[in-house]
Amino acid sequence: MNREKVSWSNVIKFAGAFIAFLIGSGFATGQEILQYFTAYGMKGLLAGLFTLVCLVYVGGDFIVTGFRERFSNTNDIYRYYCGKYIGGFYDYFAIAFLYMSYIVMVAGAGATLAQYYGLPTFVGCIGMAFVSAFTVTFGLGRIVDVIGTIGPAIVLFAIGIGLAAIFKNPEGIVRGAQMIEAAEVEMTKVGTNWFTSGMSYVGFSMLWLAAFLAAMGQKANSAKEAVIGTTLGATGFVVGIIIMMLGLLANLDAVAMTDIPSLILAERIYPPIATVFSLIIMGGIYTTSVPLLWSVSARFSQEKTRKFYLLTVGLAVSGCVVGLLLPFQRIVNIIYGINGYVGIMLIVFMIAKSAGLTKRFSE
């Protein structure tokens, strides 16, 4: 296979799938950006830069490893980096976290429709559980095609909302940063400072991406093509984070303790846009819930088998039930925050593997 061959249609598809997978309910609603970045004022920019550097590195390494190793079970990527025992821990820990993250997506769908349309929470939860389970039954190839197309559109719309919020009230950025510095506003945040927040954010993102990118790497024509795709995806995603962060900061007084802050931004800019953006948010939740659910089902069953279909439906129903029982803002803080600190340790093993320091643990 020509390791230098690059299909730009594949590059865009990989970048789009990378973005779409990470957008989810936390990004699209603005809740994770509020807790991980905006909550630290202008220092949130440092968390964004840290996130960019790490995601470019781990995204490229994950997808190239998948391209090169051709894992029969893509969760073996953890054993590749960490050895039999620690890798085994990460394998099962990651699966548990991915399923918890799927529950966050379902809860986010319910919270979005409840806040904007006044619908009962169960409508959004059940609807998202159904469409995600239905899509997963088509398999990974179709999933990459679908979310790779939707992803760039979602992030561009989100960036547009963020830019409009900034331009409408640019002086609000400074005021918002001052409010945070003076502790004039109550906010839920992850971490104790911008660095620990950034580490947690990268950590949970890595647990999402590892097996998915390893599988996606097997569909690449070359390592070069794969790396270009993930680098563009990471860059586009973090640009979206920073712009949304500043937009939220410029309107901090209105969004600080809301469940769906990005909808508040849209309503402040032009109310009819909020209707469109509510659908965009649901699209973002969809593009993340699908690969999350696929990752869990594929870990324990073969695609397109009866076991795979039954497991997918069972997981979707269970996730829907749990998502209805937990408040969205709190579930984002607990699940993403704690699991992120475990996830970030994986980067240490990745660097050690590259340096040849983990060979004896892998034998």
Protein backbone atom coordinates (compact mmCIF):
# COMPACT_ATOMS: atom_id res chain seq x y z
CA MET A 1 0.00 0.00 0.00
CA ASN A 2 1.33 3.44 -0.90
CA ARG A 3 1.89 5.19 2.41
CA GLU A 4 2.01 8.59 0.68
CA LYS A 5 -1.27 8.38 -1.26
CA VAL A 6 -3.71 11.13 -0.28
CA SER A 7 -7.35 11.33 -1.31
CA TRP A 8 -8.61 14.77 -0.31
CA SER A 9 -12.18 13.55 -0.20
CA ASN A 10 -11.04 11.04 2.44
CA VAL A 11 -9.09 13.76 4.28
CA ILE A 12 -12.23 15.90 4.53
CA LYS A 13 -14.28 12.88 5.57
CA PHE A 14 -11.80 11.97 8.33
CA ALA A 15 -11.60 15.58 9.54
CA GLY A 16 -15.37 15.83 9.53
CA ALA A 17 -15.80 12.56 11.43
CA PHE A 18 -13.19 13.68 13.99
CA ILE A 19 -15.07 16.94 14.57
CA ALA A 20 -18.50 15.34 14.55
CA PHE A 21 -17.51 12.70 17.08
CA LEU A 22 -16.24 15.30 19.56
CA ILE A 23 -19.03 17.87 19.14
CA GLY A 24 -21.77 16.01 20.97
CA SER A 25 -24.22 17.47 23.44
CA GLY A 26 -21.52 19.11 25.57
CA PHE A 27 -20.05 21.18 22.74
CA ALA A 28 -23.23 21.85 20.80
CA THR A 29 -25.15 23.00 23.87
CA GLY A 30 -22.15 25.05 25.03
CA GLN A 31 -22.20 23.34 28.43
CA GLU A 32 -18.75 21.72 28.26
CA ILE A 33 -17.20 24.87 26.78
CA LEU A 34 -18.71 26.87 29.63
CA GLN A 35 -17.33 24.52 32.30
CA TYR A 36 -13.92 23.74 30.78
CA PHE A 37 -12.95 27.02 29.11
CA THR A 38 -15.21 30.03 29.70
CA ALA A 39 -15.21 29.46 33.48
CA TYR A 40 -11.50 30.42 33.54
CA GLY A 41 -11.91 33.73 31.72
CA MET A 42 -9.13 34.65 29.33
CA LYS A 43 -7.02 31.82 30.72
CA GLY A 44 -9.45 29.56 28.91
CA LEU A 45 -7.44 30.41 25.78
CA LEU A 46 -4.46 28.61 27.32
CA ALA A 47 -6.64 25.57 27.94
CA GLY A 48 -7.68 25.77 24.28
CA LEU A 49 -4.06 25.88 23.06
CA PHE A 50 -3.14 22.95 25.29
CA THR A 51 -6.12 21.01 23.91
CA LEU A 52 -5.09 21.73 20.32
CA VAL A 53 -1.51 20.51 20.77
CA CYS A 54 -2.63 17.33 22.52
CA LEU A 55 -5.45 16.48 20.10
CA VAL A 56 -3.19 16.92 17.07
CA TYR A 57 -0.69 14.53 18.63
CA VAL A 58 -3.05 11.83 19.95
CA GLY A 59 -5.40 12.00 16.95
CA GLY A 60 -2.56 11.45 14.51
CA ASP A 61 -1.03 8.67 16.60
CA PHE A 62 -4.32 6.84 17.12
CA ILE A 63 -5.30 6.81 13.45
CA VAL A 64 -1.82 5.89 12.17
CA THR A 65 -1.57 3.08 14.71
CA GLY A 66 -4.92 1.77 13.48
CA PHE A 67 -3.75 2.06 9.87
CA ARG A 68 -0.52 0.21 10.60
CA GLU A 69 -1.59 -2.46 13.13
CA ARG A 70 -5.01 -3.40 11.66
CA PHE A 71 -6.44 -4.48 15.02
CA SER A 72 -9.14 -7.14 14.80
CA ASN A 73 -10.53 -5.55 17.97
CA THR A 74 -9.81 -1.82 17.88
CA ASN A 75 -9.89 -1.62 21.69
CA ASP A 76 -6.60 -3.53 21.55
CA ILE A 77 -5.06 -0.12 20.89
CA TYR A 78 -4.92 0.29 24.69
CA ARG A 79 -2.90 -2.92 25.06
CA TYR A 80 -0.65 -1.74 22.23
CA TYR A 81 0.26 1.37 24.22
CA CYS A 82 0.01 0.16 27.82
CA GLY A 83 0.67 -3.58 27.79
CA LYS A 84 -1.52 -6.49 28.81
CA TYR A 85 -2.64 -5.43 32.28
CA ILE A 86 -2.83 -1.63 32.23
CA GLY A 87 -4.09 -1.85 28.65
CA GLY A 88 -6.79 -4.25 29.80
CA PHE A 89 -7.83 -1.77 32.49
CA TYR A 90 -8.08 1.04 29.93
CA ASP A 91 -10.02 -1.19 27.57
CA TYR A 92 -12.83 -1.81 30.06
CA PHE A 93 -12.62 1.61 31.67
CA ALA A 94 -12.94 3.28 28.28
CA ILE A 95 -15.95 1.17 27.35
CA ALA A 96 -17.68 2.10 30.61
CA PHE A 97 -16.88 5.77 30.02
CA LEU A 98 -18.07 5.68 26.42
CA TYR A 99 -21.38 4.30 27.57
CA MET A 100 -21.65 6.94 30.30
CA SER A 101 -20.92 9.54 27.62
CA TYR A 102 -23.70 8.10 25.49
CA ILE A 103 -26.03 8.66 28.44
CA VAL A 104 -24.86 12.31 28.50
CA MET A 105 -25.84 12.61 24.83
CA VAL A 106 -29.30 11.23 25.46
CA ALA A 107 -29.77 13.52 28.46
CA GLY A 108 -28.56 16.49 26.38
CA ALA A 109 -31.16 15.79 23.72
CA GLY A 110 -33.87 15.76 26.36
CA ALA A 111 -32.60 18.99 27.97
CA THR A 112 -32.40 20.81 24.61
CA LEU A 113 -35.97 20.08 23.56
CA ALA A 114 -37.22 20.79 27.08
CA GLN A 115 -35.49 24.21 27.34
CA TYR A 116 -36.35 25.53 23.89
CA TYR A 117 -39.61 23.84 22.94
CA GLY A 118 -41.03 23.15 26.40
CA LEU A 119 -41.43 19.46 25.56
CA PRO A 120 -41.23 16.77 28.24
CA THR A 121 -37.64 15.62 28.71
CA PHE A 122 -38.50 12.06 27.74
CA VAL A 123 -39.35 13.15 24.17
CA GLY A 124 -35.77 14.14 23.36
CA CYS A 125 -34.27 11.23 25.29
CA ILE A 126 -36.37 8.57 23.61
CA GLY A 127 -36.02 10.16 20.18
CA MET A 128 -32.21 10.31 20.36
CA ALA A 129 -31.96 6.77 21.72
CA PHE A 130 -34.08 5.52 18.83
CA VAL A 131 -32.30 7.28 15.94
CA SER A 132 -28.83 6.49 17.32
CA ALA A 133 -29.62 2.79 17.73
CA PHE A 134 -31.17 2.69 14.24
CA THR A 135 -28.06 4.27 12.65
CA VAL A 136 -25.63 2.00 14.51
CA THR A 137 -27.24 -1.05 12.91
CA PHE A 138 -25.84 0.09 9.53
CA GLY A 139 -22.22 -0.40 10.68
CA LEU A 140 -19.08 1.75 10.98
CA GLY A 141 -18.57 2.47 7.28
CA ARG A 142 -21.97 4.11 6.96
CA ILE A 143 -21.50 5.95 10.28
CA VAL A 144 -18.26 7.60 9.07
CA ASP A 145 -19.95 8.64 5.83
CA VAL A 146 -22.92 10.20 7.63
CA ILE A 147 -21.20 12.03 10.49
CA GLY A 148 -18.24 13.04 8.31
CA THR A 149 -20.68 15.00 6.17
CA ILE A 150 -22.71 16.52 9.02
CA GLY A 151 -19.75 17.42 11.29
CA PRO A 152 -18.26 20.38 9.37
CA ALA A 153 -21.71 21.94 8.88
CA ILE A 154 -22.40 21.80 12.62
CA VAL A 155 -19.10 23.34 13.67
CA LEU A 156 -19.38 26.11 11.04
CA PHE A 157 -22.84 27.05 12.30
CA ALA A 158 -21.61 27.00 15.91
CA ILE A 159 -18.65 29.22 14.96
CA GLY A 160 -21.07 31.60 13.23
CA ILE A 161 -23.17 31.88 16.40
CA GLY A 162 -20.05 32.48 18.49
CA LEU A 163 -18.71 35.16 16.14
CA ALA A 164 -22.07 36.94 16.02
CA ALA A 165 -22.23 36.92 19.83
CA ILE A 166 -18.73 38.42 20.00
CA PHE A 167 -19.38 41.14 17.41
CA LYS A 168 -22.68 42.10 19.00
CA ASN A 169 -21.06 42.69 22.39
CA PRO A 170 -17.25 42.75 22.10
CA GLU A 171 -16.77 44.73 25.31
CA GLY A 172 -18.61 41.95 27.11
CA ILE A 173 -15.55 39.70 26.79
CA VAL A 174 -13.52 41.94 29.08
CA ARG A 175 -16.46 42.39 31.43
CA GLY A 176 -17.08 38.65 31.57
CA ALA A 177 -13.42 37.96 32.35
CA GLN A 178 -13.54 40.58 35.12
CA MET A 179 -16.67 38.99 36.60
CA ILE A 180 -14.92 35.62 36.75
CA GLU A 181 -11.75 37.11 38.21
CA ALA A 182 -13.76 38.88 40.93
CA ALA A 183 -15.96 35.82 41.52
CA GLU A 184 -19.06 37.92 40.82
CA VAL A 185 -20.84 35.07 39.07
CA GLU A 186 -21.57 31.52 40.16
CA MET A 187 -20.33 28.93 37.68
CA THR A 188 -19.92 25.17 37.54
CA LYS A 189 -16.38 24.36 36.44
CA VAL A 190 -14.14 21.36 35.87
CA GLY A 191 -10.72 21.39 37.50
CA THR A 192 -9.07 23.89 39.81
CA ASN A 193 -7.32 25.93 37.11
CA TRP A 194 -7.05 26.16 33.31
CA PHE A 195 -4.34 23.48 33.13
CA THR A 196 -6.16 20.79 35.11
CA SER A 197 -9.31 21.65 33.16
CA GLY A 198 -7.42 21.25 29.86
CA MET A 199 -5.96 17.93 30.99
CA SER A 200 -9.40 16.60 31.90
CA TYR A 201 -10.83 17.77 28.56
CA VAL A 202 -8.09 16.11 26.54
CA GLY A 203 -8.36 13.00 28.71
CA PHE A 204 -12.02 12.30 28.09
CA SER A 205 -11.60 13.19 24.41
CA MET A 206 -8.84 10.58 24.14
CA LEU A 207 -11.07 7.89 25.63
CA TRP A 208 -13.69 8.75 23.03
CA LEU A 209 -11.29 8.82 20.11
CA ALA A 210 -8.89 5.92 20.62
CA ALA A 211 -10.86 2.92 19.35
CA PHE A 212 -12.89 4.96 16.86
CA LEU A 213 -9.81 6.47 15.18
CA ALA A 214 -8.05 3.10 15.23
CA ALA A 215 -10.98 1.68 13.27
CA MET A 216 -11.11 4.71 10.97
CA GLY A 217 -7.37 4.37 10.26
CA GLN A 218 -8.03 1.01 8.62
CA LYS A 219 -10.08 2.82 5.98
CA ALA A 220 -7.25 5.23 5.07
CA ASN A 221 -5.18 4.95 1.88
CA SER A 222 -2.03 6.07 3.67
CA ALA A 223 -0.67 7.21 7.01
CA LYS A 224 -0.14 10.67 5.54
CA GLU A 225 -3.78 10.93 4.50
CA ALA A 226 -4.92 9.83 7.96
CA VAL A 227 -2.73 12.35 9.81
CA ILE A 228 -3.75 15.27 7.61
CA GLY A 229 -7.39 14.40 8.27
CA THR A 230 -7.09 14.26 12.06
CA THR A 231 -4.89 17.39 12.17
CA LEU A 232 -7.47 19.40 10.22
CA GLY A 233 -10.21 17.95 12.40
CA ALA A 234 -8.44 18.86 15.65
CA THR A 235 -7.69 22.39 14.39
CA GLY A 236 -11.25 23.03 13.25
CA PHE A 237 -12.66 21.68 16.49
CA VAL A 238 -10.46 23.82 18.76
CA VAL A 239 -11.09 26.95 16.66
CA GLY A 240 -14.78 26.28 17.28
CA ILE A 241 -14.13 25.91 21.02
CA ILE A 242 -12.26 29.22 21.28
CA ILE A 243 -14.82 31.20 19.32
CA MET A 244 -17.71 29.74 21.32
CA MET A 245 -15.79 30.37 24.53
CA LEU A 246 -15.40 34.06 23.72
CA GLY A 247 -19.02 34.32 22.63
CA LEU A 248 -20.16 32.83 25.94
CA LEU A 249 -17.77 35.09 27.85
CA ALA A 250 -19.26 38.14 26.12
CA ASN A 251 -22.71 37.12 27.40
CA LEU A 252 -21.69 35.61 30.72
CA ASP A 253 -24.42 37.28 32.75
CA ALA A 254 -27.08 35.48 30.71
CA VAL A 255 -25.50 32.04 30.26
CA ALA A 256 -23.51 31.31 33.43
CA MET A 257 -25.87 28.75 35.02
CA THR A 258 -28.06 27.67 32.10
CA ASP A 259 -28.29 24.11 30.74
CA ILE A 260 -28.12 25.11 27.05
CA PRO A 261 -26.06 28.33 26.92
CA SER A 262 -25.53 28.25 23.14
CA LEU A 263 -29.29 28.57 22.62
CA ILE A 264 -29.27 31.69 24.80
CA LEU A 265 -26.60 33.16 22.51
CA ALA A 266 -28.67 32.37 19.43
CA GLU A 267 -31.81 33.94 20.92
CA ARG A 268 -29.89 37.11 21.82
CA ILE A 269 -28.55 37.43 18.28
CA TYR A 270 -31.82 36.82 16.39
CA PRO A 271 -34.64 34.69 17.88
CA PRO A 272 -35.52 32.79 14.66
CA ILE A 273 -31.89 31.60 14.47
CA ALA A 274 -32.39 29.86 17.80
CA THR A 275 -34.95 27.56 16.19
CA VAL A 276 -32.47 26.53 13.51
CA PHE A 277 -29.69 26.22 16.06
CA SER A 278 -31.78 23.94 18.27
CA LEU A 279 -31.86 21.54 15.31
CA ILE A 280 -28.11 21.99 14.81
CA ILE A 281 -27.55 21.08 18.47
CA MET A 282 -29.62 17.94 18.02
CA GLY A 283 -27.50 17.12 14.96
CA GLY A 284 -24.34 17.54 17.03
CA ILE A 285 -25.69 15.24 19.72
CA TYR A 286 -26.63 12.69 17.08
CA THR A 287 -23.19 12.66 15.42
CA THR A 288 -21.55 11.83 18.74
CA SER A 289 -24.14 9.48 20.24
CA VAL A 290 -23.96 7.18 17.20
CA PRO A 291 -20.20 6.33 17.29
CA LEU A 292 -20.30 6.17 21.10
CA LEU A 293 -23.05 3.57 21.00
CA TRP A 294 -21.33 1.74 18.13
CA SER A 295 -18.05 1.59 20.08
CA VAL A 296 -19.72 -0.14 23.03
CA SER A 297 -21.79 -2.57 20.95
CA ALA A 298 -18.84 -3.45 18.68
CA ARG A 299 -16.66 -4.18 21.71
CA PHE A 300 -18.84 -7.13 22.75
CA SER A 301 -20.34 -8.34 19.47
CA GLN A 302 -19.67 -8.56 15.75
CA GLU A 303 -21.33 -6.01 13.46
CA LYS A 304 -24.47 -7.09 11.63
CA THR A 305 -25.12 -10.07 13.89
CA ARG A 306 -28.25 -10.71 15.94
CA LYS A 307 -26.25 -10.22 19.14
CA PHE A 308 -25.01 -6.84 17.88
CA TYR A 309 -28.55 -5.65 17.10
CA LEU A 310 -30.00 -6.83 20.42
CA LEU A 311 -27.12 -5.35 22.41
CA THR A 312 -27.44 -2.02 20.61
CA VAL A 313 -31.15 -1.79 21.36
CA GLY A 314 -30.66 -2.82 24.98
CA LEU A 315 -27.92 -0.25 25.54
CA ALA A 316 -30.00 2.49 23.93
CA VAL A 317 -33.03 1.72 26.11
CA SER A 318 -30.94 1.58 29.30
CA GLY A 319 -29.16 4.82 28.41
CA CYS A 320 -32.49 6.51 27.85
CA VAL A 321 -33.76 5.47 31.28
CA VAL A 322 -30.65 6.68 33.11
CA GLY A 323 -30.54 9.91 31.08
CA LEU A 324 -34.03 10.74 32.29
CA LEU A 325 -33.01 10.37 35.93
CA LEU A 326 -29.96 12.70 36.02
CA PRO A 327 -29.77 16.52 35.59
CA PHE A 328 -27.81 17.41 32.44
CA GLN A 329 -25.47 20.10 33.84
CA ARG A 330 -24.43 17.88 36.73
CA ILE A 331 -23.92 14.77 34.63
CA VAL A 332 -21.55 16.64 32.29
CA ASN A 333 -19.50 17.87 35.25
CA ILE A 334 -19.19 14.51 37.01
CA ILE A 335 -18.78 12.07 34.11
CA TYR A 336 -16.48 14.16 31.92
CA GLY A 337 -14.45 15.64 34.77
CA ILE A 338 -13.50 12.50 36.71
CA ASN A 339 -12.99 10.26 33.68
CA GLY A 340 -10.88 12.91 31.97
CA TYR A 341 -8.16 12.69 34.62
CA VAL A 342 -7.89 8.93 34.11
CA GLY A 343 -7.85 9.39 30.34
CA ILE A 344 -5.03 11.93 30.30
CA MET A 345 -2.64 9.36 31.80
CA LEU A 346 -2.89 7.45 28.52
CA ILE A 347 -0.82 10.16 26.81
CA VAL A 348 2.09 9.27 29.10
CA PHE A 349 1.99 5.67 27.86
CA MET A 350 1.72 6.86 24.25
CA ILE A 351 4.86 8.98 24.59
CA ALA A 352 6.66 6.15 26.39
CA LYS A 353 5.66 3.72 23.62
CA SER A 354 7.04 6.07 20.99
CA ALA A 355 10.29 6.25 22.93
CA GLY A 356 10.46 2.45 23.21
CA LEU A 357 10.10 2.48 27.00
CA THR A 358 7.06 0.20 27.28
CA LYS A 359 8.35 -2.74 25.22
CA ARG A 360 8.85 -5.06 28.17
CA PHE A 361 5.29 -4.45 29.41
CA SER A 362 3.86 -5.35 25.98
CA GLU A 363 5.57 -8.71 25.64
